Structure formats: structure tokens, C-alpha cells
Amino acid sequence: MPDMSLIRERLEQVQEALLRIVKRSSAIQSPQDFLADDDNMQKLDAIAMMLIAVGESFKKIDRETDGQLLAQ
């Protein structure tokens, strides 16, 4: 049986990361905006890394729950 408090904590971390992504990209109106200057390119890099972390978290959750939680 998976530790549901750990699963809940991971899901909360995913939610926080997704909210940070929304906040960091709020000024971006088009994909070209990311290429406009170094600051926006750093935002793109940070967002990409956070998306990778979110994906890894979902893989861990899926593995720890034997695919049962995400299947729902």
C-alpha cells in the first residue's frame, strides 16, 4: 500500500510547480516572446525544467501506486 501522505505531498508539489509556470509565463503572449531577450530565454529554460520535474513526479506517483491513482 502506498504512503498516501507522500503521494499527497508530491501532488501538492506538482500543483505549486504548475502555478509557478503560469506565473512566470504570464507576460508571454507568443512563443517568439521567449526569444526576445536573455531574461525570457531564462524563463523558458526554467519552465522547461519545471515541466520535466512535473513529469518525473507523475512517473513516481504512477510507479508508487502501481498505476492505480493516475488511471482514475
PDB file of N, CA and C in Angstrom:
ATOM      1  N   MET A   1       0.851  -1.180   0.000  1.00  0.00           N
ATOM      2  CA  MET A   1       0.000   0.000   0.000  1.00  0.00           C
ATOM      3  C   MET A   1       0.896   1.243   0.000  1.00  0.00           C
ATOM      4  N   PRO A   2       0.644   2.146  -0.926  1.00  0.00           N
ATOM      5  CA  PRO A   2       1.479   3.353  -0.993  1.00  0.00           C
ATOM      6  C   PRO A   2       1.210   4.297   0.172  1.00  0.00           C
ATOM      7  N   ASP A   3       2.220   5.070   0.518  1.00  0.00           N
ATOM      8  CA  ASP A   3       2.091   6.077   1.567  1.00  0.00           C
ATOM      9  C   ASP A   3       1.335   7.267   0.980  1.00  0.00           C
ATOM     10  N   MET A   4       0.059   7.371   1.304  1.00  0.00           N
ATOM     11  CA  MET A   4      -0.790   8.398   0.700  1.00  0.00           C
ATOM     12  C   MET A   4      -0.390   9.806   1.126  1.00  0.00           C
ATOM     13  N   SER A   5       0.213   9.958   2.291  1.00  0.00           N
ATOM     14  CA  SER A   5       0.671  11.296   2.677  1.00  0.00           C
ATOM     15  C   SER A   5       1.824  11.746   1.775  1.00  0.00           C
ATOM     16  N   LEU A   6       2.676  10.800   1.377  1.00  0.00           N
ATOM     17  CA  LEU A   6       3.763  11.111   0.452  1.00  0.00           C
ATOM     18  C   LEU A   6       3.204  11.428  -0.940  1.00  0.00           C
ATOM     19  N   ILE A   7       2.217  10.687  -1.361  1.00  0.00           N
ATOM     20  CA  ILE A   7       1.575  10.930  -2.660  1.00  0.00           C
ATOM     21  C   ILE A   7       0.923  12.312  -2.659  1.00  0.00           C
ATOM     22  N   ARG A   8       0.220  12.629  -1.589  1.00  0.00           N
ATOM     23  CA  ARG A   8      -0.432  13.938  -1.479  1.00  0.00           C
ATOM     24  C   ARG A   8       0.612  15.062  -1.521  1.00  0.00           C
ATOM     25  N   GLU A   9       1.727  14.861  -0.821  1.00  0.00           N
ATOM     26  CA  GLU A   9       2.796  15.864  -0.809  1.00  0.00           C
ATOM     27  C   GLU A   9       3.353  16.058  -2.225  1.00  0.00           C
ATOM     28  N   ARG A  10       3.552  14.972  -2.942  1.00  0.00           N
ATOM     29  CA  ARG A  10       4.051  15.076  -4.327  1.00  0.00           C
ATOM     30  C   ARG A  10       3.047  15.812  -5.209  1.00  0.00           C
ATOM     31  N   LEU A  11       1.771  15.511  -5.039  1.00  0.00           N
ATOM     32  CA  LEU A  11       0.752  16.191  -5.839  1.00  0.00           C
ATOM     33  C   LEU A  11       0.704  17.686  -5.518  1.00  0.00           C
ATOM     34  N   GLU A  12       0.891  18.034  -4.256  1.00  0.00           N
ATOM     35  CA  GLU A  12       0.936  19.450  -3.879  1.00  0.00           C
ATOM     36  C   GLU A  12       2.154  20.132  -4.499  1.00  0.00           C
ATOM     37  N   GLN A  13       3.279  19.432  -4.555  1.00  0.00           N
ATOM     38  CA  GLN A  13       4.473  19.996  -5.189  1.00  0.00           C
ATOM     39  C   GLN A  13       4.243  20.205  -6.687  1.00  0.00           C
ATOM     40  N   VAL A  14       3.554  19.275  -7.312  1.00  0.00           N
ATOM     41  CA  VAL A  14       3.217  19.414  -8.728  1.00  0.00           C
ATOM     42  C   VAL A  14       2.331  20.630  -8.928  1.00  0.00           C
ATOM     43  N   GLN A  15       1.340  20.777  -8.080  1.00  0.00           N
ATOM     44  CA  GLN A  15       0.435  21.922  -8.198  1.00  0.00           C
ATOM     45  C   GLN A  15       1.200  23.240  -8.036  1.00  0.00           C
ATOM     46  N   GLU A  16       2.091  23.304  -7.058  1.00  0.00           N
ATOM     47  CA  GLU A  16       2.897  24.514  -6.852  1.00  0.00           C
ATOM     48  C   GLU A  16       3.767  24.812  -8.077  1.00  0.00           C
ATOM     49  N   ALA A  17       4.362  23.783  -8.652  1.00  0.00           N
ATOM     50  CA  ALA A  17       5.201  23.972  -9.836  1.00  0.00           C
ATOM     51  C   ALA A  17       4.373  24.487 -11.007  1.00  0.00           C
ATOM     52  N   LEU A  18       3.189  23.939 -11.189  1.00  0.00           N
ATOM     53  CA  LEU A  18       2.336  24.385 -12.284  1.00  0.00           C
ATOM     54  C   LEU A  18       1.882  25.829 -12.088  1.00  0.00           C
ATOM     55  N   LEU A  19       1.613  26.205 -10.858  1.00  0.00           N
ATOM     56  CA  LEU A  19       1.251  27.598 -10.587  1.00  0.00           C
ATOM     57  C   LEU A  19       2.415  28.541 -10.857  1.00  0.00           C
ATOM     58  N   ARG A  20       3.641  28.105 -10.518  1.00  0.00           N
ATOM     59  CA  ARG A  20       4.826  28.919 -10.821  1.00  0.00           C
ATOM     60  C   ARG A  20       5.017  29.070 -12.320  1.00  0.00           C
ATOM     61  N   ILE A  21       4.741  28.012 -13.066  1.00  0.00           N
ATOM     62  CA  ILE A  21       4.853  28.082 -14.518  1.00  0.00           C
ATOM     63  C   ILE A  21       3.877  29.115 -15.069  1.00  0.00           C
ATOM     64  N   VAL A  22       2.651  29.076 -14.594  1.00  0.00           N
ATOM     65  CA  VAL A  22       1.648  30.048 -15.051  1.00  0.00           C
ATOM     66  C   VAL A  22       2.096  31.465 -14.719  1.00  0.00           C
ATOM     67  N   LYS A  23       2.597  31.658 -13.503  1.00  0.00           N
ATOM     68  CA  LYS A  23       3.036  32.988 -13.082  1.00  0.00           C
ATOM     69  C   LYS A  23       4.214  33.479 -13.917  1.00  0.00           C
ATOM     70  N   ARG A  24       5.192  32.617 -14.136  1.00  0.00           N
ATOM     71  CA  ARG A  24       6.387  33.021 -14.878  1.00  0.00           C
ATOM     72  C   ARG A  24       6.099  33.281 -16.349  1.00  0.00           C
ATOM     73  N   SER A  25       5.075  32.667 -16.874  1.00  0.00           N
ATOM     74  CA  SER A  25       4.777  32.842 -18.299  1.00  0.00           C
ATOM     75  C   SER A  25       3.649  33.836 -18.553  1.00  0.00           C
ATOM     76  N   SER A  26       3.171  34.503 -17.528  1.00  0.00           N
ATOM     77  CA  SER A  26       2.011  35.387 -17.685  1.00  0.00           C
ATOM     78  C   SER A  26       2.263  36.546 -18.640  1.00  0.00           C
ATOM     79  N   ALA A  27       3.488  37.021 -18.743  1.00  0.00           N
ATOM     80  CA  ALA A  27       3.785  38.146 -19.635  1.00  0.00           C
ATOM     81  C   ALA A  27       4.066  37.690 -21.067  1.00  0.00           C
ATOM     82  N   ILE A  28       4.153  36.411 -21.278  1.00  0.00           N
ATOM     83  CA  ILE A  28       4.460  35.871 -22.601  1.00  0.00           C
ATOM     84  C   ILE A  28       3.169  35.798 -23.417  1.00  0.00           C
ATOM     85  N   GLN A  29       3.184  36.453 -24.575  1.00  0.00           N
ATOM     86  CA  GLN A  29       2.000  36.469 -25.429  1.00  0.00           C
ATOM     87  C   GLN A  29       2.135  35.528 -26.628  1.00  0.00           C
ATOM     88  N   SER A  30       3.373  35.226 -27.015  1.00  0.00           N
ATOM     89  CA  SER A  30       3.591  34.331 -28.149  1.00  0.00           C
ATOM     90  C   SER A  30       4.902  33.575 -27.920  1.00  0.00           C
ATOM     91  N   PRO A  31       5.098  32.482 -28.615  1.00  0.00           N
ATOM     92  CA  PRO A  31       6.365  31.748 -28.457  1.00  0.00           C
ATOM     93  C   PRO A  31       7.585  32.616 -28.757  1.00  0.00           C
ATOM     94  N   GLN A  32       7.446  33.569 -29.661  1.00  0.00           N
ATOM     95  CA  GLN A  32       8.558  34.441 -30.006  1.00  0.00           C
ATOM     96  C   GLN A  32       9.008  35.305 -28.823  1.00  0.00           C
ATOM     97  N   ASP A  33       8.093  35.582 -27.906  1.00  0.00           N
ATOM     98  CA  ASP A  33       8.445  36.392 -26.732  1.00  0.00           C
ATOM     99  C   ASP A  33       9.553  35.744 -25.911  1.00  0.00           C
ATOM    100  N   PHE A  34       9.588  34.412 -25.894  1.00  0.00           N
ATOM    101  CA  PHE A  34      10.641  33.726 -25.147  1.00  0.00           C
ATOM    102  C   PHE A  34      12.020  34.016 -25.734  1.00  0.00           C
ATOM    103  N   LEU A  35      12.059  34.308 -27.007  1.00  0.00           N
ATOM    104  CA  LEU A  35      13.337  34.532 -27.686  1.00  0.00           C
ATOM    105  C   LEU A  35      13.732  36.000 -27.732  1.00  0.00           C
ATOM    106  N   ALA A  36      12.907  36.866 -27.169  1.00  0.00           N
ATOM    107  CA  ALA A  36      13.118  38.314 -27.273  1.00  0.00           C
ATOM    108  C   ALA A  36      14.378  38.790 -26.556  1.00  0.00           C
ATOM    109  N   ASP A  37      14.699  38.192 -25.416  1.00  0.00           N
ATOM    110  CA  ASP A  37      15.887  38.607 -24.668  1.00  0.00           C
ATOM    111  C   ASP A  37      16.344  37.486 -23.740  1.00  0.00           C
ATOM    112  N   ASP A  38      17.473  37.713 -23.097  1.00  0.00           N
ATOM    113  CA  ASP A  38      18.039  36.674 -22.225  1.00  0.00           C
ATOM    114  C   ASP A  38      17.135  36.339 -21.043  1.00  0.00           C
ATOM    115  N   ASP A  39      16.473  37.345 -20.475  1.00  0.00           N
ATOM    116  CA  ASP A  39      15.588  37.083 -19.339  1.00  0.00           C
ATOM    117  C   ASP A  39      14.459  36.133 -19.733  1.00  0.00           C
ATOM    118  N   ASN A  40      13.869  36.364 -20.887  1.00  0.00           N
ATOM    119  CA  ASN A  40      12.780  35.493 -21.326  1.00  0.00           C
ATOM    120  C   ASN A  40      13.293  34.105 -21.696  1.00  0.00           C
ATOM    121  N   MET A  41      14.499  34.026 -22.218  1.00  0.00           N
ATOM    122  CA  MET A  41      15.070  32.714 -22.514  1.00  0.00           C
ATOM    123  C   MET A  41      15.339  31.949 -21.220  1.00  0.00           C
ATOM    124  N   GLN A  42      15.734  32.669 -20.170  1.00  0.00           N
ATOM    125  CA  GLN A  42      15.916  32.014 -18.873  1.00  0.00           C
ATOM    126  C   GLN A  42      14.573  31.536 -18.320  1.00  0.00           C
ATOM    127  N   LYS A  43      13.521  32.317 -18.557  1.00  0.00           N
ATOM    128  CA  LYS A  43      12.183  31.874 -18.151  1.00  0.00           C
ATOM    129  C   LYS A  43      11.821  30.578 -18.862  1.00  0.00           C
ATOM    130  N   LEU A  44      12.103  30.532 -20.159  1.00  0.00           N
ATOM    131  CA  LEU A  44      11.814  29.322 -20.934  1.00  0.00           C
ATOM    132  C   LEU A  44      12.577  28.125 -20.380  1.00  0.00           C
ATOM    133  N   ASP A  45      13.855  28.324 -20.080  1.00  0.00           N
ATOM    134  CA  ASP A  45      14.655  27.244 -19.505  1.00  0.00           C
ATOM    135  C   ASP A  45      14.080  26.775 -18.168  1.00  0.00           C
ATOM    136  N   ALA A  46      13.704  27.725 -17.322  1.00  0.00           N
ATOM    137  CA  ALA A  46      13.154  27.385 -16.003  1.00  0.00           C
ATOM    138  C   ALA A  46      11.831  26.639 -16.148  1.00  0.00           C
ATOM    139  N   ILE A  47      10.986  27.097 -17.050  1.00  0.00           N
ATOM    140  CA  ILE A  47       9.695  26.450 -17.273  1.00  0.00           C
ATOM    141  C   ILE A  47       9.904  25.031 -17.798  1.00  0.00           C
ATOM    142  N   ALA A  48      10.839  24.869 -18.726  1.00  0.00           N
ATOM    143  CA  ALA A  48      11.118  23.537 -19.267  1.00  0.00           C
ATOM    144  C   ALA A  48      11.594  22.589 -18.162  1.00  0.00           C
ATOM    145  N   MET A  49      12.462  23.072 -17.298  1.00  0.00           N
ATOM    146  CA  MET A  49      12.957  22.236 -16.199  1.00  0.00           C
ATOM    147  C   MET A  49      11.835  21.871 -15.232  1.00  0.00           C
ATOM    148  N   MET A  50      10.951  22.815 -14.977  1.00  0.00           N
ATOM    149  CA  MET A  50       9.831  22.530 -14.071  1.00  0.00           C
ATOM    150  C   MET A  50       8.880  21.512 -14.698  1.00  0.00           C
ATOM    151  N   LEU A  51       8.665  21.595 -15.999  1.00  0.00           N
ATOM    152  CA  LEU A  51       7.816  20.606 -16.669  1.00  0.00           C
ATOM    153  C   LEU A  51       8.439  19.215 -16.618  1.00  0.00           C
ATOM    154  N   ILE A  52       9.761  19.149 -16.750  1.00  0.00           N
ATOM    155  CA  ILE A  52      10.444  17.866 -16.614  1.00  0.00           C
ATOM    156  C   ILE A  52      10.250  17.316 -15.207  1.00  0.00           C
ATOM    157  N   ALA A  53      10.392  18.177 -14.193  1.00  0.00           N
ATOM    158  CA  ALA A  53      10.207  17.743 -12.802  1.00  0.00           C
ATOM    159  C   ALA A  53       8.777  17.272 -12.563  1.00  0.00           C
ATOM    160  N   VAL A  54       7.805  17.969 -13.143  1.00  0.00           N
ATOM    161  CA  VAL A  54       6.401  17.560 -13.006  1.00  0.00           C
ATOM    162  C   VAL A  54       6.206  16.174 -13.621  1.00  0.00           C
ATOM    163  N   GLY A  55       6.751  15.966 -14.798  1.00  0.00           N
ATOM    164  CA  GLY A  55       6.643  14.658 -15.445  1.00  0.00           C
ATOM    165  C   GLY A  55       7.274  13.556 -14.619  1.00  0.00           C
ATOM    166  N   GLU A  56       8.436  13.840 -14.059  1.00  0.00           N
ATOM    167  CA  GLU A  56       9.108  12.858 -13.204  1.00  0.00           C
ATOM    168  C   GLU A  56       8.276  12.558 -11.956  1.00  0.00           C
ATOM    169  N   SER A  57       7.657  13.578 -11.398  1.00  0.00           N
ATOM    170  CA  SER A  57       6.809  13.362 -10.214  1.00  0.00           C
ATOM    171  C   SER A  57       5.630  12.463 -10.546  1.00  0.00           C
ATOM    172  N   PHE A  58       5.011  12.704 -11.700  1.00  0.00           N
ATOM    173  CA  PHE A  58       3.891  11.851 -12.102  1.00  0.00           C
ATOM    174  C   PHE A  58       4.340  10.412 -12.345  1.00  0.00           C
ATOM    175  N   LYS A  59       5.536  10.234 -12.911  1.00  0.00           N
ATOM    176  CA  LYS A  59       6.042   8.873 -13.101  1.00  0.00           C
ATOM    177  C   LYS A  59       6.247   8.179 -11.757  1.00  0.00           C
ATOM    178  N   LYS A  60       6.786   8.918 -10.778  1.00  0.00           N
ATOM    179  CA  LYS A  60       6.990   8.336  -9.450  1.00  0.00           C
ATOM    180  C   LYS A  60       5.658   7.980  -8.805  1.00  0.00           C
ATOM    181  N   ILE A  61       4.700   8.888  -8.902  1.00  0.00           N
ATOM    182  CA  ILE A  61       3.377   8.625  -8.322  1.00  0.00           C
ATOM    183  C   ILE A  61       2.762   7.395  -8.980  1.00  0.00           C
ATOM    184  N   ASP A  62       2.858   7.310 -10.292  1.00  0.00           N
ATOM    185  CA  ASP A  62       2.293   6.174 -11.013  1.00  0.00           C
ATOM    186  C   ASP A  62       2.962   4.878 -10.586  1.00  0.00           C
ATOM    187  N   ARG A  63       4.284   4.912 -10.430  1.00  0.00           N
ATOM    188  CA  ARG A  63       5.021   3.721 -10.007  1.00  0.00           C
ATOM    189  C   ARG A  63       4.651   3.330  -8.576  1.00  0.00           C
ATOM    190  N   GLU A  64       4.558   4.316  -7.685  1.00  0.00           N
ATOM    191  CA  GLU A  64       4.272   4.024  -6.273  1.00  0.00           C
ATOM    192  C   GLU A  64       2.854   3.528  -6.050  1.00  0.00           C
ATOM    193  N   THR A  65       1.942   3.882  -6.944  1.00  0.00           N
ATOM    194  CA  THR A  65       0.545   3.448  -6.787  1.00  0.00           C
ATOM    195  C   THR A  65       0.196   2.324  -7.762  1.00  0.00           C
ATOM    196  N   ASP A  66       1.224   1.712  -8.349  1.00  0.00           N
ATOM    197  CA  ASP A  66       1.030   0.642  -9.320  1.00  0.00           C
ATOM    198  C   ASP A  66       0.054   1.023 -10.424  1.00  0.00           C
ATOM    199  N   GLY A  67       0.106   2.283 -10.828  1.00  0.00           N
ATOM    200  CA  GLY A  67      -0.723   2.765 -11.928  1.00  0.00           C
ATOM    201  C   GLY A  67      -2.182   2.961 -11.588  1.00  0.00           C
ATOM    202  N   GLN A  68      -2.546   2.834 -10.327  1.00  0.00           N
ATOM    203  CA  GLN A  68      -3.958   2.900  -9.960  1.00  0.00           C
ATOM    204  C   GLN A  68      -4.478   4.313  -9.787  1.00  0.00           C
ATOM    205  N   LEU A  69      -3.680   5.216  -9.243  1.00  0.00           N
ATOM    206  CA  LEU A  69      -4.151   6.579  -8.964  1.00  0.00           C
ATOM    207  C   LEU A  69      -4.358   7.361 -10.249  1.00  0.00           C
ATOM    208  N   LEU A  70      -3.382   7.357 -11.122  1.00  0.00           N
ATOM    209  CA  LEU A  70      -3.479   8.148 -12.342  1.00  0.00           C
ATOM    210  C   LEU A  70      -4.457   7.538 -13.344  1.00  0.00           C
ATOM    211  N   ALA A  71      -4.730   6.265 -13.239  1.00  0.00           N
ATOM    212  CA  ALA A  71      -5.696   5.624 -14.133  1.00  0.00           C
ATOM    213  C   ALA A  71      -7.102   6.161 -13.908  1.00  0.00           C
ATOM    214  N   GLN A  72      -7.345   6.663 -12.704  1.00  0.00           N
ATOM    215  CA  GLN A  72      -8.676   7.185 -12.382  1.00  0.00           C
ATOM    216  C   GLN A  72      -8.871   8.512 -13.052  1.00  0.00           C
TER     217      GLN A  72
END
